[in-house]
Amino acid sequence: MKIFSSLSSLDQIRGSPLGPMLREIVIRMLGHFEYNPEDDGFVVLMEPGDVDRVLTDLCLPYRLHEVPFEAVHMLEGHYCGIYLANNQFAITFLIPDANWVQGELRQHLENLLEK
């Protein structure tokens, strides 16, 4: 899992084809007045090892297939799920539409996918 909460955090994926998409999302997020990731949220790029573990490092008691997303849509080959913890804090999950997204996780995302 990679967490993005500032433009400098994008250095983790320098040269990646995901760079422009993530940059756009982070810039939109930072556009809010007095943005603070601890209060307002961040973007998370999920990776294969994140599928079956509880997301305690995000302070969530869920596995990825259990996250109560507010909405899910496709964005450049990624499921983009929005989790709202309250009326201010949100986590944007980017989950590649890859072979490792299977079973309960794929079904969960497809059920929520805005058609």
PDB file of N, CA and C in Angstrom:
ATOM      1  N   MET A   1       0.839  -1.163   0.000  1.00  0.00           N
ATOM      2  CA  MET A   1       0.000   0.000   0.000  1.00  0.00           C
ATOM      3  C   MET A   1       0.889   1.233   0.000  1.00  0.00           C
ATOM      4  N   LYS A   2       0.478   2.198  -0.818  1.00  0.00           N
ATOM      5  CA  LYS A   2       1.181   3.483  -0.841  1.00  0.00           C
ATOM      6  C   LYS A   2       0.165   4.576  -0.524  1.00  0.00           C
ATOM      7  N   ILE A   3       0.551   5.479   0.376  1.00  0.00           N
ATOM      8  CA  ILE A   3      -0.334   6.555   0.802  1.00  0.00           C
ATOM      9  C   ILE A   3       0.162   7.870   0.227  1.00  0.00           C
ATOM     10  N   PHE A   4      -0.772   8.646  -0.321  1.00  0.00           N
ATOM     11  CA  PHE A   4      -0.454   9.936  -0.935  1.00  0.00           C
ATOM     12  C   PHE A   4      -1.274  11.024  -0.258  1.00  0.00           C
ATOM     13  N   SER A   5      -0.578  12.001   0.309  1.00  0.00           N
ATOM     14  CA  SER A   5      -1.276  13.086   1.008  1.00  0.00           C
ATOM     15  C   SER A   5      -0.683  14.459   0.687  1.00  0.00           C
ATOM     16  N   SER A   6       0.271  14.482  -0.237  1.00  0.00           N
ATOM     17  CA  SER A   6       0.904  15.741  -0.639  1.00  0.00           C
ATOM     18  C   SER A   6       1.553  15.523  -2.001  1.00  0.00           C
ATOM     19  N   LEU A   7       1.922  16.609  -2.649  1.00  0.00           N
ATOM     20  CA  LEU A   7       2.602  16.460  -3.933  1.00  0.00           C
ATOM     21  C   LEU A   7       3.937  15.740  -3.761  1.00  0.00           C
ATOM     22  N   SER A   8       4.635  16.000  -2.668  1.00  0.00           N
ATOM     23  CA  SER A   8       5.924  15.336  -2.454  1.00  0.00           C
ATOM     24  C   SER A   8       5.752  13.833  -2.236  1.00  0.00           C
ATOM     25  N   SER A   9       4.594  13.394  -1.745  1.00  0.00           N
ATOM     26  CA  SER A   9       4.377  11.956  -1.545  1.00  0.00           C
ATOM     27  C   SER A   9       4.310  11.209  -2.874  1.00  0.00           C
ATOM     28  N   LEU A  10       4.102  11.932  -3.970  1.00  0.00           N
ATOM     29  CA  LEU A  10       4.065  11.303  -5.286  1.00  0.00           C
ATOM     30  C   LEU A  10       5.432  10.819  -5.737  1.00  0.00           C
ATOM     31  N   ASP A  11       6.497  11.221  -5.039  1.00  0.00           N
ATOM     32  CA  ASP A  11       7.846  10.755  -5.367  1.00  0.00           C
ATOM     33  C   ASP A  11       7.944   9.233  -5.299  1.00  0.00           C
ATOM     34  N   GLN A  12       7.062   8.591  -4.525  1.00  0.00           N
ATOM     35  CA  GLN A  12       7.065   7.131  -4.387  1.00  0.00           C
ATOM     36  C   GLN A  12       6.828   6.427  -5.717  1.00  0.00           C
ATOM     37  N   ILE A  13       6.156   7.104  -6.637  1.00  0.00           N
ATOM     38  CA  ILE A  13       5.813   6.470  -7.913  1.00  0.00           C
ATOM     39  C   ILE A  13       6.396   7.238  -9.104  1.00  0.00           C
ATOM     40  N   ARG A  14       7.458   7.969  -8.864  1.00  0.00           N
ATOM     41  CA  ARG A  14       8.097   8.749  -9.932  1.00  0.00           C
ATOM     42  C   ARG A  14       8.361   7.858 -11.150  1.00  0.00           C
ATOM     43  N   GLY A  15       7.940   8.321 -12.314  1.00  0.00           N
ATOM     44  CA  GLY A  15       8.136   7.578 -13.552  1.00  0.00           C
ATOM     45  C   GLY A  15       7.050   6.556 -13.841  1.00  0.00           C
ATOM     46  N   SER A  16       6.137   6.339 -12.920  1.00  0.00           N
ATOM     47  CA  SER A  16       5.067   5.369 -13.114  1.00  0.00           C
ATOM     48  C   SER A  16       3.996   5.945 -14.031  1.00  0.00           C
ATOM     49  N   PRO A  17       3.349   5.098 -14.828  1.00  0.00           N
ATOM     50  CA  PRO A  17       2.249   5.586 -15.651  1.00  0.00           C
ATOM     51  C   PRO A  17       1.073   6.110 -14.815  1.00  0.00           C
ATOM     52  N   LEU A  18       1.030   5.745 -13.544  1.00  0.00           N
ATOM     53  CA  LEU A  18      -0.023   6.227 -12.644  1.00  0.00           C
ATOM     54  C   LEU A  18       0.206   7.663 -12.194  1.00  0.00           C
ATOM     55  N   GLY A  19       1.405   8.167 -12.373  1.00  0.00           N
ATOM     56  CA  GLY A  19       1.772   9.484 -11.883  1.00  0.00           C
ATOM     57  C   GLY A  19       0.797  10.599 -12.226  1.00  0.00           C
ATOM     58  N   PRO A  20       0.455  10.781 -13.513  1.00  0.00           N
ATOM     59  CA  PRO A  20      -0.451  11.884 -13.859  1.00  0.00           C
ATOM     60  C   PRO A  20      -1.831  11.764 -13.199  1.00  0.00           C
ATOM     61  N   MET A  21      -2.390  10.552 -13.164  1.00  0.00           N
ATOM     62  CA  MET A  21      -3.700  10.357 -12.549  1.00  0.00           C
ATOM     63  C   MET A  21      -3.652  10.677 -11.053  1.00  0.00           C
ATOM     64  N   LEU A  22      -2.648  10.138 -10.358  1.00  0.00           N
ATOM     65  CA  LEU A  22      -2.529  10.391  -8.924  1.00  0.00           C
ATOM     66  C   LEU A  22      -2.255  11.860  -8.643  1.00  0.00           C
ATOM     67  N   ARG A  23      -1.454  12.475  -9.470  1.00  0.00           N
ATOM     68  CA  ARG A  23      -1.168  13.910  -9.295  1.00  0.00           C
ATOM     69  C   ARG A  23      -2.463  14.723  -9.371  1.00  0.00           C
ATOM     70  N   GLU A  24      -3.304  14.407 -10.346  1.00  0.00           N
ATOM     71  CA  GLU A  24      -4.571  15.124 -10.497  1.00  0.00           C
ATOM     72  C   GLU A  24      -5.463  14.935  -9.264  1.00  0.00           C
ATOM     73  N   ILE A  25      -5.546  13.714  -8.764  1.00  0.00           N
ATOM     74  CA  ILE A  25      -6.373  13.446  -7.581  1.00  0.00           C
ATOM     75  C   ILE A  25      -5.830  14.196  -6.373  1.00  0.00           C
ATOM     76  N   VAL A  26      -4.516  14.146  -6.170  1.00  0.00           N
ATOM     77  CA  VAL A  26      -3.908  14.812  -5.010  1.00  0.00           C
ATOM     78  C   VAL A  26      -4.067  16.331  -5.124  1.00  0.00           C
ATOM     79  N   ILE A  27      -3.909  16.889  -6.315  1.00  0.00           N
ATOM     80  CA  ILE A  27      -4.084  18.335  -6.481  1.00  0.00           C
ATOM     81  C   ILE A  27      -5.517  18.739  -6.146  1.00  0.00           C
ATOM     82  N   ARG A  28      -6.506  17.951  -6.588  1.00  0.00           N
ATOM     83  CA  ARG A  28      -7.903  18.243  -6.233  1.00  0.00           C
ATOM     84  C   ARG A  28      -8.101  18.205  -4.728  1.00  0.00           C
ATOM     85  N   MET A  29      -7.487  17.225  -4.085  1.00  0.00           N
ATOM     86  CA  MET A  29      -7.601  17.068  -2.639  1.00  0.00           C
ATOM     87  C   MET A  29      -6.956  18.254  -1.920  1.00  0.00           C
ATOM     88  N   LEU A  30      -5.801  18.692  -2.397  1.00  0.00           N
ATOM     89  CA  LEU A  30      -5.087  19.796  -1.764  1.00  0.00           C
ATOM     90  C   LEU A  30      -5.747  21.147  -2.018  1.00  0.00           C
ATOM     91  N   GLY A  31      -6.651  21.190  -2.971  1.00  0.00           N
ATOM     92  CA  GLY A  31      -7.324  22.436  -3.293  1.00  0.00           C
ATOM     93  C   GLY A  31      -8.234  22.928  -2.187  1.00  0.00           C
ATOM     94  N   HIS A  32      -8.510  22.070  -1.213  1.00  0.00           N
ATOM     95  CA  HIS A  32      -9.364  22.478  -0.104  1.00  0.00           C
ATOM     96  C   HIS A  32      -8.608  23.418   0.823  1.00  0.00           C
ATOM     97  N   PHE A  33      -9.265  24.421   1.294  1.00  0.00           N
ATOM     98  CA  PHE A  33      -8.668  25.399   2.197  1.00  0.00           C
ATOM     99  C   PHE A  33      -8.139  24.721   3.452  1.00  0.00           C
ATOM    100  N   GLU A  34      -6.910  25.003   3.819  1.00  0.00           N
ATOM    101  CA  GLU A  34      -6.269  24.472   5.027  1.00  0.00           C
ATOM    102  C   GLU A  34      -6.334  22.944   5.096  1.00  0.00           C
ATOM    103  N   TYR A  35      -5.962  22.273   4.025  1.00  0.00           N
ATOM    104  CA  TYR A  35      -5.955  20.814   3.958  1.00  0.00           C
ATOM    105  C   TYR A  35      -4.959  20.234   4.958  1.00  0.00           C
ATOM    106  N   ASN A  36      -5.400  19.249   5.706  1.00  0.00           N
ATOM    107  CA  ASN A  36      -4.562  18.517   6.649  1.00  0.00           C
ATOM    108  C   ASN A  36      -4.916  17.042   6.506  1.00  0.00           C
ATOM    109  N   PRO A  37      -3.975  16.184   6.068  1.00  0.00           N
ATOM    110  CA  PRO A  37      -4.307  14.781   5.838  1.00  0.00           C
ATOM    111  C   PRO A  37      -4.873  14.065   7.068  1.00  0.00           C
ATOM    112  N   GLU A  38      -4.432  14.446   8.250  1.00  0.00           N
ATOM    113  CA  GLU A  38      -4.947  13.785   9.463  1.00  0.00           C
ATOM    114  C   GLU A  38      -6.409  14.114   9.704  1.00  0.00           C
ATOM    115  N   ASP A  39      -6.842  15.287   9.242  1.00  0.00           N
ATOM    116  CA  ASP A  39      -8.229  15.705   9.423  1.00  0.00           C
ATOM    117  C   ASP A  39      -9.087  15.478   8.191  1.00  0.00           C
ATOM    118  N   ASP A  40      -8.459  15.526   7.006  1.00  0.00           N
ATOM    119  CA  ASP A  40      -9.227  15.551   5.764  1.00  0.00           C
ATOM    120  C   ASP A  40      -9.138  14.278   4.926  1.00  0.00           C
ATOM    121  N   GLY A  41      -8.071  13.500   5.071  1.00  0.00           N
ATOM    122  CA  GLY A  41      -7.954  12.253   4.334  1.00  0.00           C
ATOM    123  C   GLY A  41      -6.791  12.223   3.370  1.00  0.00           C
ATOM    124  N   PHE A  42      -6.762  11.177   2.555  1.00  0.00           N
ATOM    125  CA  PHE A  42      -5.645  10.940   1.653  1.00  0.00           C
ATOM    126  C   PHE A  42      -6.055   9.930   0.596  1.00  0.00           C
ATOM    127  N   VAL A  43      -5.133   9.646  -0.315  1.00  0.00           N
ATOM    128  CA  VAL A  43      -5.327   8.672  -1.383  1.00  0.00           C
ATOM    129  C   VAL A  43      -4.449   7.471  -1.079  1.00  0.00           C
ATOM    130  N   VAL A  44      -4.988   6.270  -1.302  1.00  0.00           N
ATOM    131  CA  VAL A  44      -4.244   5.045  -1.036  1.00  0.00           C
ATOM    132  C   VAL A  44      -4.241   4.182  -2.297  1.00  0.00           C
ATOM    133  N   LEU A  45      -3.067   3.799  -2.758  1.00  0.00           N
ATOM    134  CA  LEU A  45      -2.926   2.870  -3.870  1.00  0.00           C
ATOM    135  C   LEU A  45      -2.738   1.474  -3.273  1.00  0.00           C
ATOM    136  N   MET A  46      -3.687   0.605  -3.521  1.00  0.00           N
ATOM    137  CA  MET A  46      -3.629  -0.737  -2.956  1.00  0.00           C
ATOM    138  C   MET A  46      -2.760  -1.648  -3.824  1.00  0.00           C
ATOM    139  N   GLU A  47      -2.128  -2.625  -3.157  1.00  0.00           N
ATOM    140  CA  GLU A  47      -1.226  -3.552  -3.828  1.00  0.00           C
ATOM    141  C   GLU A  47      -1.628  -4.979  -3.473  1.00  0.00           C
ATOM    142  N   PRO A  48      -1.102  -5.989  -4.179  1.00  0.00           N
ATOM    143  CA  PRO A  48      -1.536  -7.371  -3.961  1.00  0.00           C
ATOM    144  C   PRO A  48      -1.516  -7.827  -2.493  1.00  0.00           C
ATOM    145  N   GLY A  49      -0.538  -7.438  -1.727  1.00  0.00           N
ATOM    146  CA  GLY A  49      -0.444  -7.867  -0.331  1.00  0.00           C
ATOM    147  C   GLY A  49      -1.505  -7.268   0.577  1.00  0.00           C
ATOM    148  N   ASP A  50      -2.284  -6.339   0.066  1.00  0.00           N
ATOM    149  CA  ASP A  50      -3.298  -5.662   0.878  1.00  0.00           C
ATOM    150  C   ASP A  50      -4.658  -6.343   0.827  1.00  0.00           C
ATOM    151  N   VAL A  51      -4.813  -7.354   0.010  1.00  0.00           N
ATOM    152  CA  VAL A  51      -6.127  -7.946  -0.231  1.00  0.00           C
ATOM    153  C   VAL A  51      -6.749  -8.557   1.018  1.00  0.00           C
ATOM    154  N   ASP A  52      -6.029  -9.383   1.735  1.00  0.00           N
ATOM    155  CA  ASP A  52      -6.639 -10.166   2.810  1.00  0.00           C
ATOM    156  C   ASP A  52      -6.318  -9.698   4.223  1.00  0.00           C
ATOM    157  N   ARG A  53      -5.672  -8.564   4.369  1.00  0.00           N
ATOM    158  CA  ARG A  53      -5.327  -8.131   5.714  1.00  0.00           C
ATOM    159  C   ARG A  53      -6.282  -7.049   6.206  1.00  0.00           C
ATOM    160  N   VAL A  54      -6.414  -6.954   7.507  1.00  0.00           N
ATOM    161  CA  VAL A  54      -7.221  -5.893   8.100  1.00  0.00           C
ATOM    162  C   VAL A  54      -6.439  -4.592   7.954  1.00  0.00           C
ATOM    163  N   LEU A  55      -7.108  -3.529   7.585  1.00  0.00           N
ATOM    164  CA  LEU A  55      -6.459  -2.255   7.259  1.00  0.00           C
ATOM    165  C   LEU A  55      -6.254  -1.390   8.502  1.00  0.00           C
ATOM    166  N   THR A  56      -5.625  -1.971   9.519  1.00  0.00           N
ATOM    167  CA  THR A  56      -5.418  -1.265  10.785  1.00  0.00           C
ATOM    168  C   THR A  56      -4.472  -0.076  10.637  1.00  0.00           C
ATOM    169  N   ASP A  57      -3.536  -0.125   9.675  1.00  0.00           N
ATOM    170  CA  ASP A  57      -2.630   1.013   9.494  1.00  0.00           C
ATOM    171  C   ASP A  57      -3.358   2.221   8.915  1.00  0.00           C
ATOM    172  N   LEU A  58      -4.595   2.027   8.444  1.00  0.00           N
ATOM    173  CA  LEU A  58      -5.444   3.132   8.015  1.00  0.00           C
ATOM    174  C   LEU A  58      -6.507   3.429   9.079  1.00  0.00           C
ATOM    175  N   CYS A  59      -6.345   2.787  10.244  1.00  0.00           N
ATOM    176  CA  CYS A  59      -7.304   2.918  11.351  1.00  0.00           C
ATOM    177  C   CYS A  59      -8.687   2.423  10.953  1.00  0.00           C
ATOM    178  N   LEU A  60      -8.725   1.394  10.108  1.00  0.00           N
ATOM    179  CA  LEU A  60      -9.992   0.805   9.687  1.00  0.00           C
ATOM    180  C   LEU A  60     -10.065  -0.645  10.170  1.00  0.00           C
ATOM    181  N   PRO A  61     -11.230  -1.067  10.656  1.00  0.00           N
ATOM    182  CA  PRO A  61     -11.380  -2.441  11.144  1.00  0.00           C
ATOM    183  C   PRO A  61     -11.818  -3.409  10.043  1.00  0.00           C
ATOM    184  N   TYR A  62     -11.553  -3.081   8.793  1.00  0.00           N
ATOM    185  CA  TYR A  62     -12.056  -3.855   7.656  1.00  0.00           C
ATOM    186  C   TYR A  62     -10.927  -4.465   6.842  1.00  0.00           C
ATOM    187  N   ARG A  63     -11.272  -5.583   6.171  1.00  0.00           N
ATOM    188  CA  ARG A  63     -10.459  -6.045   5.052  1.00  0.00           C
ATOM    189  C   ARG A  63     -10.961  -5.275   3.835  1.00  0.00           C
ATOM    190  N   LEU A  64     -10.191  -5.273   2.774  1.00  0.00           N
ATOM    191  CA  LEU A  64     -10.518  -4.467   1.608  1.00  0.00           C
ATOM    192  C   LEU A  64     -11.904  -4.799   1.049  1.00  0.00           C
ATOM    193  N   HIS A  65     -12.271  -6.071   1.054  1.00  0.00           N
ATOM    194  CA  HIS A  65     -13.580  -6.453   0.507  1.00  0.00           C
ATOM    195  C   HIS A  65     -14.746  -6.094   1.440  1.00  0.00           C
ATOM    196  N   GLU A  66     -14.435  -5.568   2.634  1.00  0.00           N
ATOM    197  CA  GLU A  66     -15.464  -5.185   3.591  1.00  0.00           C
ATOM    198  C   GLU A  66     -15.633  -3.666   3.727  1.00  0.00           C
ATOM    199  N   VAL A  67     -14.759  -2.893   3.114  1.00  0.00           N
ATOM    200  CA  VAL A  67     -14.805  -1.434   3.260  1.00  0.00           C
ATOM    201  C   VAL A  67     -16.160  -0.932   2.741  1.00  0.00           C
ATOM    202  N   PRO A  68     -16.882  -0.177   3.566  1.00  0.00           N
ATOM    203  CA  PRO A  68     -18.180   0.359   3.132  1.00  0.00           C
ATOM    204  C   PRO A  68     -18.000   1.624   2.277  1.00  0.00           C
ATOM    205  N   PHE A  69     -17.632   1.396   1.020  1.00  0.00           N
ATOM    206  CA  PHE A  69     -17.404   2.512   0.115  1.00  0.00           C
ATOM    207  C   PHE A  69     -18.695   3.294  -0.105  1.00  0.00           C
ATOM    208  N   GLU A  70     -18.555   4.588  -0.183  1.00  0.00           N
ATOM    209  CA  GLU A  70     -19.674   5.471  -0.511  1.00  0.00           C
ATOM    210  C   GLU A  70     -20.012   5.335  -1.996  1.00  0.00           C
ATOM    211  N   ALA A  71     -18.980   5.183  -2.807  1.00  0.00           N
ATOM    212  CA  ALA A  71     -19.145   5.029  -4.252  1.00  0.00           C
ATOM    213  C   ALA A  71     -17.891   4.375  -4.816  1.00  0.00           C
ATOM    214  N   VAL A  72     -18.056   3.711  -5.953  1.00  0.00           N
ATOM    215  CA  VAL A  72     -16.934   3.113  -6.682  1.00  0.00           C
ATOM    216  C   VAL A  72     -17.135   3.430  -8.160  1.00  0.00           C
ATOM    217  N   HIS A  73     -16.073   3.872  -8.812  1.00  0.00           N
ATOM    218  CA  HIS A  73     -16.113   4.071 -10.266  1.00  0.00           C
ATOM    219  C   HIS A  73     -14.758   3.658 -10.832  1.00  0.00           C
ATOM    220  N   MET A  74     -14.692   3.533 -12.151  1.00  0.00           N
ATOM    221  CA  MET A  74     -13.438   3.168 -12.815  1.00  0.00           C
ATOM    222  C   MET A  74     -12.719   4.441 -13.237  1.00  0.00           C
ATOM    223  N   LEU A  75     -11.404   4.438 -13.030  1.00  0.00           N
ATOM    224  CA  LEU A  75     -10.568   5.576 -13.386  1.00  0.00           C
ATOM    225  C   LEU A  75      -9.252   5.040 -13.930  1.00  0.00           C
ATOM    226  N   GLU A  76      -9.067   5.138 -15.225  1.00  0.00           N
ATOM    227  CA  GLU A  76      -7.837   4.703 -15.893  1.00  0.00           C
ATOM    228  C   GLU A  76      -7.388   3.314 -15.458  1.00  0.00           C
ATOM    229  N   GLY A  77      -8.286   2.336 -15.558  1.00  0.00           N
ATOM    230  CA  GLY A  77      -7.944   0.952 -15.248  1.00  0.00           C
ATOM    231  C   GLY A  77      -7.867   0.632 -13.768  1.00  0.00           C
ATOM    232  N   HIS A  78      -8.405   1.491 -12.932  1.00  0.00           N
ATOM    233  CA  HIS A  78      -8.415   1.278 -11.485  1.00  0.00           C
ATOM    234  C   HIS A  78      -9.825   1.483 -10.943  1.00  0.00           C
ATOM    235  N   TYR A  79     -10.175   0.636  -9.995  1.00  0.00           N
ATOM    236  CA  TYR A  79     -11.384   0.911  -9.239  1.00  0.00           C
ATOM    237  C   TYR A  79     -11.029   2.070  -8.303  1.00  0.00           C
ATOM    238  N   CYS A  80     -11.879   3.053  -8.248  1.00  0.00           N
ATOM    239  CA  CYS A  80     -11.671   4.199  -7.364  1.00  0.00           C
ATOM    240  C   CYS A  80     -12.826   4.186  -6.371  1.00  0.00           C
ATOM    241  N   GLY A  81     -12.530   3.791  -5.142  1.00  0.00           N
ATOM    242  CA  GLY A  81     -13.546   3.699  -4.105  1.00  0.00           C
ATOM    243  C   GLY A  81     -13.364   4.811  -3.089  1.00  0.00           C
ATOM    244  N   ILE A  82     -14.469   5.443  -2.722  1.00  0.00           N
ATOM    245  CA  ILE A  82     -14.433   6.538  -1.758  1.00  0.00           C
ATOM    246  C   ILE A  82     -15.022   6.061  -0.441  1.00  0.00           C
ATOM    247  N   TYR A  83     -14.223   6.136   0.611  1.00  0.00           N
ATOM    248  CA  TYR A  83     -14.669   5.799   1.960  1.00  0.00           C
ATOM    249  C   TYR A  83     -14.776   7.095   2.753  1.00  0.00           C
ATOM    250  N   LEU A  84     -15.954   7.371   3.269  1.00  0.00           N
ATOM    251  CA  LEU A  84     -16.165   8.565   4.082  1.00  0.00           C
ATOM    252  C   LEU A  84     -16.284   8.152   5.542  1.00  0.00           C
ATOM    253  N   ALA A  85     -15.331   8.591   6.355  1.00  0.00           N
ATOM    254  CA  ALA A  85     -15.359   8.278   7.779  1.00  0.00           C
ATOM    255  C   ALA A  85     -16.334   9.197   8.513  1.00  0.00           C
ATOM    256  N   ASN A  86     -16.439  10.425   8.026  1.00  0.00           N
ATOM    257  CA  ASN A  86     -17.360  11.412   8.604  1.00  0.00           C
ATOM    258  C   ASN A  86     -17.582  12.490   7.551  1.00  0.00           C
ATOM    259  N   ASN A  87     -18.131  13.625   7.943  1.00  0.00           N
ATOM    260  CA  ASN A  87     -18.432  14.653   6.946  1.00  0.00           C
ATOM    261  C   ASN A  87     -17.206  15.432   6.477  1.00  0.00           C
ATOM    262  N   GLN A  88     -16.017  15.097   6.978  1.00  0.00           N
ATOM    263  CA  GLN A  88     -14.798  15.794   6.567  1.00  0.00           C
ATOM    264  C   GLN A  88     -13.726  14.846   6.049  1.00  0.00           C
ATOM    265  N   PHE A  89     -13.541  13.717   6.697  1.00  0.00           N
ATOM    266  CA  PHE A  89     -12.431  12.810   6.404  1.00  0.00           C
ATOM    267  C   PHE A  89     -12.836  11.748   5.380  1.00  0.00           C
ATOM    268  N   ALA A  90     -12.032  11.635   4.313  1.00  0.00           N
ATOM    269  CA  ALA A  90     -12.284  10.631   3.276  1.00  0.00           C
ATOM    270  C   ALA A  90     -10.977   9.968   2.866  1.00  0.00           C
ATOM    271  N   ILE A  91     -11.074   8.702   2.538  1.00  0.00           N
ATOM    272  CA  ILE A  91      -9.945   7.976   1.959  1.00  0.00           C
ATOM    273  C   ILE A  91     -10.369   7.569   0.547  1.00  0.00           C
ATOM    274  N   THR A  92      -9.554   7.924  -0.439  1.00  0.00           N
ATOM    275  CA  THR A  92      -9.783   7.500  -1.812  1.00  0.00           C
ATOM    276  C   THR A  92      -8.905   6.286  -2.051  1.00  0.00           C
ATOM    277  N   PHE A  93      -9.529   5.148  -2.308  1.00  0.00           N
ATOM    278  CA  PHE A  93      -8.819   3.900  -2.571  1.00  0.00           C
ATOM    279  C   PHE A  93      -8.689   3.717  -4.077  1.00  0.00           C
ATOM    280  N   LEU A  94      -7.475   3.495  -4.560  1.00  0.00           N
ATOM    281  CA  LEU A  94      -7.245   3.126  -5.955  1.00  0.00           C
ATOM    282  C   LEU A  94      -6.814   1.666  -5.964  1.00  0.00           C
ATOM    283  N   ILE A  95      -7.603   0.840  -6.639  1.00  0.00           N
ATOM    284  CA  ILE A  95      -7.355  -0.596  -6.677  1.00  0.00           C
ATOM    285  C   ILE A  95      -7.238  -0.998  -8.145  1.00  0.00           C
ATOM    286  N   PRO A  96      -6.058  -1.438  -8.579  1.00  0.00           N
ATOM    287  CA  PRO A  96      -5.895  -1.804  -9.987  1.00  0.00           C
ATOM    288  C   PRO A  96      -6.879  -2.896 -10.409  1.00  0.00           C
ATOM    289  N   ASP A  97      -7.391  -2.788 -11.611  1.00  0.00           N
ATOM    290  CA  ASP A  97      -8.215  -3.853 -12.179  1.00  0.00           C
ATOM    291  C   ASP A  97      -7.243  -4.903 -12.702  1.00  0.00           C
ATOM    292  N   ALA A  98      -6.697  -5.676 -11.763  1.00  0.00           N
ATOM    293  CA  ALA A  98      -5.637  -6.642 -12.071  1.00  0.00           C
ATOM    294  C   ALA A  98      -6.089  -8.057 -11.702  1.00  0.00           C
ATOM    295  N   ASN A  99      -5.326  -9.050 -12.139  1.00  0.00           N
ATOM    296  CA  ASN A  99      -5.662 -10.454 -11.872  1.00  0.00           C
ATOM    297  C   ASN A  99      -5.736 -10.771 -10.381  1.00  0.00           C
ATOM    298  N   TRP A 100      -4.983 -10.052  -9.541  1.00  0.00           N
ATOM    299  CA  TRP A 100      -5.003 -10.339  -8.102  1.00  0.00           C
ATOM    300  C   TRP A 100      -6.267  -9.828  -7.421  1.00  0.00           C
ATOM    301  N   VAL A 101      -7.070  -9.050  -8.113  1.00  0.00           N
ATOM    302  CA  VAL A 101      -8.354  -8.600  -7.569  1.00  0.00           C
ATOM    303  C   VAL A 101      -9.384  -9.645  -7.970  1.00  0.00           C
ATOM    304  N   GLN A 102      -9.652 -10.572  -7.050  1.00  0.00           N
ATOM    305  CA  GLN A 102     -10.519 -11.714  -7.335  1.00  0.00           C
ATOM    306  C   GLN A 102     -11.510 -11.929  -6.199  1.00  0.00           C
ATOM    307  N   GLY A 103     -12.378 -12.904  -6.379  1.00  0.00           N
ATOM    308  CA  GLY A 103     -13.274 -13.376  -5.332  1.00  0.00           C
ATOM    309  C   GLY A 103     -14.130 -12.293  -4.710  1.00  0.00           C
ATOM    310  N   GLU A 104     -14.136 -12.280  -3.364  1.00  0.00           N
ATOM    311  CA  GLU A 104     -14.983 -11.344  -2.624  1.00  0.00           C
ATOM    312  C   GLU A 104     -14.659  -9.882  -2.935  1.00  0.00           C
ATOM    313  N   LEU A 105     -13.389  -9.575  -3.122  1.00  0.00           N
ATOM    314  CA  LEU A 105     -13.010  -8.193  -3.403  1.00  0.00           C
ATOM    315  C   LEU A 105     -13.581  -7.738  -4.747  1.00  0.00           C
ATOM    316  N   ARG A 106     -13.367  -8.513  -5.786  1.00  0.00           N
ATOM    317  CA  ARG A 106     -13.887  -8.123  -7.110  1.00  0.00           C
ATOM    318  C   ARG A 106     -15.413  -8.028  -7.066  1.00  0.00           C
ATOM    319  N   GLN A 107     -16.061  -8.972  -6.418  1.00  0.00           N
ATOM    320  CA  GLN A 107     -17.523  -8.945  -6.335  1.00  0.00           C
ATOM    321  C   GLN A 107     -18.013  -7.695  -5.598  1.00  0.00           C
ATOM    322  N   HIS A 108     -17.338  -7.359  -4.499  1.00  0.00           N
ATOM    323  CA  HIS A 108     -17.680  -6.160  -3.721  1.00  0.00           C
ATOM    324  C   HIS A 108     -17.569  -4.904  -4.589  1.00  0.00           C
ATOM    325  N   LEU A 109     -16.470  -4.778  -5.304  1.00  0.00           N
ATOM    326  CA  LEU A 109     -16.254  -3.602  -6.147  1.00  0.00           C
ATOM    327  C   LEU A 109     -17.252  -3.561  -7.310  1.00  0.00           C
ATOM    328  N   GLU A 110     -17.484  -4.696  -7.943  1.00  0.00           N
ATOM    329  CA  GLU A 110     -18.421  -4.734  -9.069  1.00  0.00           C
ATOM    330  C   GLU A 110     -19.848  -4.421  -8.620  1.00  0.00           C
ATOM    331  N   ASN A 111     -20.226  -4.874  -7.422  1.00  0.00           N
ATOM    332  CA  ASN A 111     -21.572  -4.584  -6.910  1.00  0.00           C
ATOM    333  C   ASN A 111     -21.770  -3.094  -6.671  1.00  0.00           C
ATOM    334  N   LEU A 112     -20.696  -2.394  -6.306  1.00  0.00           N
ATOM    335  CA  LEU A 112     -20.788  -0.966  -5.996  1.00  0.00           C
ATOM    336  C   LEU A 112     -20.479  -0.071  -7.183  1.00  0.00           C
ATOM    337  N   LEU A 113     -19.965  -0.660  -8.232  1.00  0.00           N
ATOM    338  CA  LEU A 113     -19.533   0.103  -9.398  1.00  0.00           C
ATOM    339  C   LEU A 113     -20.698   0.886  -9.986  1.00  0.00           C
ATOM    340  N   GLU A 114     -20.477   2.187 -10.162  1.00  0.00           N
ATOM    341  CA  GLU A 114     -21.489   3.045 -10.777  1.00  0.00           C
ATOM    342  C   GLU A 114     -21.583   2.673 -12.250  1.00  0.00           C
ATOM    343  N   LYS A 115     -22.715   2.268 -12.658  1.00  0.00           N
ATOM    344  CA  LYS A 115     -22.888   1.812 -14.047  1.00  0.00           C
ATOM    345  C   LYS A 115     -23.499   2.909 -14.882  1.00  0.00           C
TER     346      LYS A 115
END
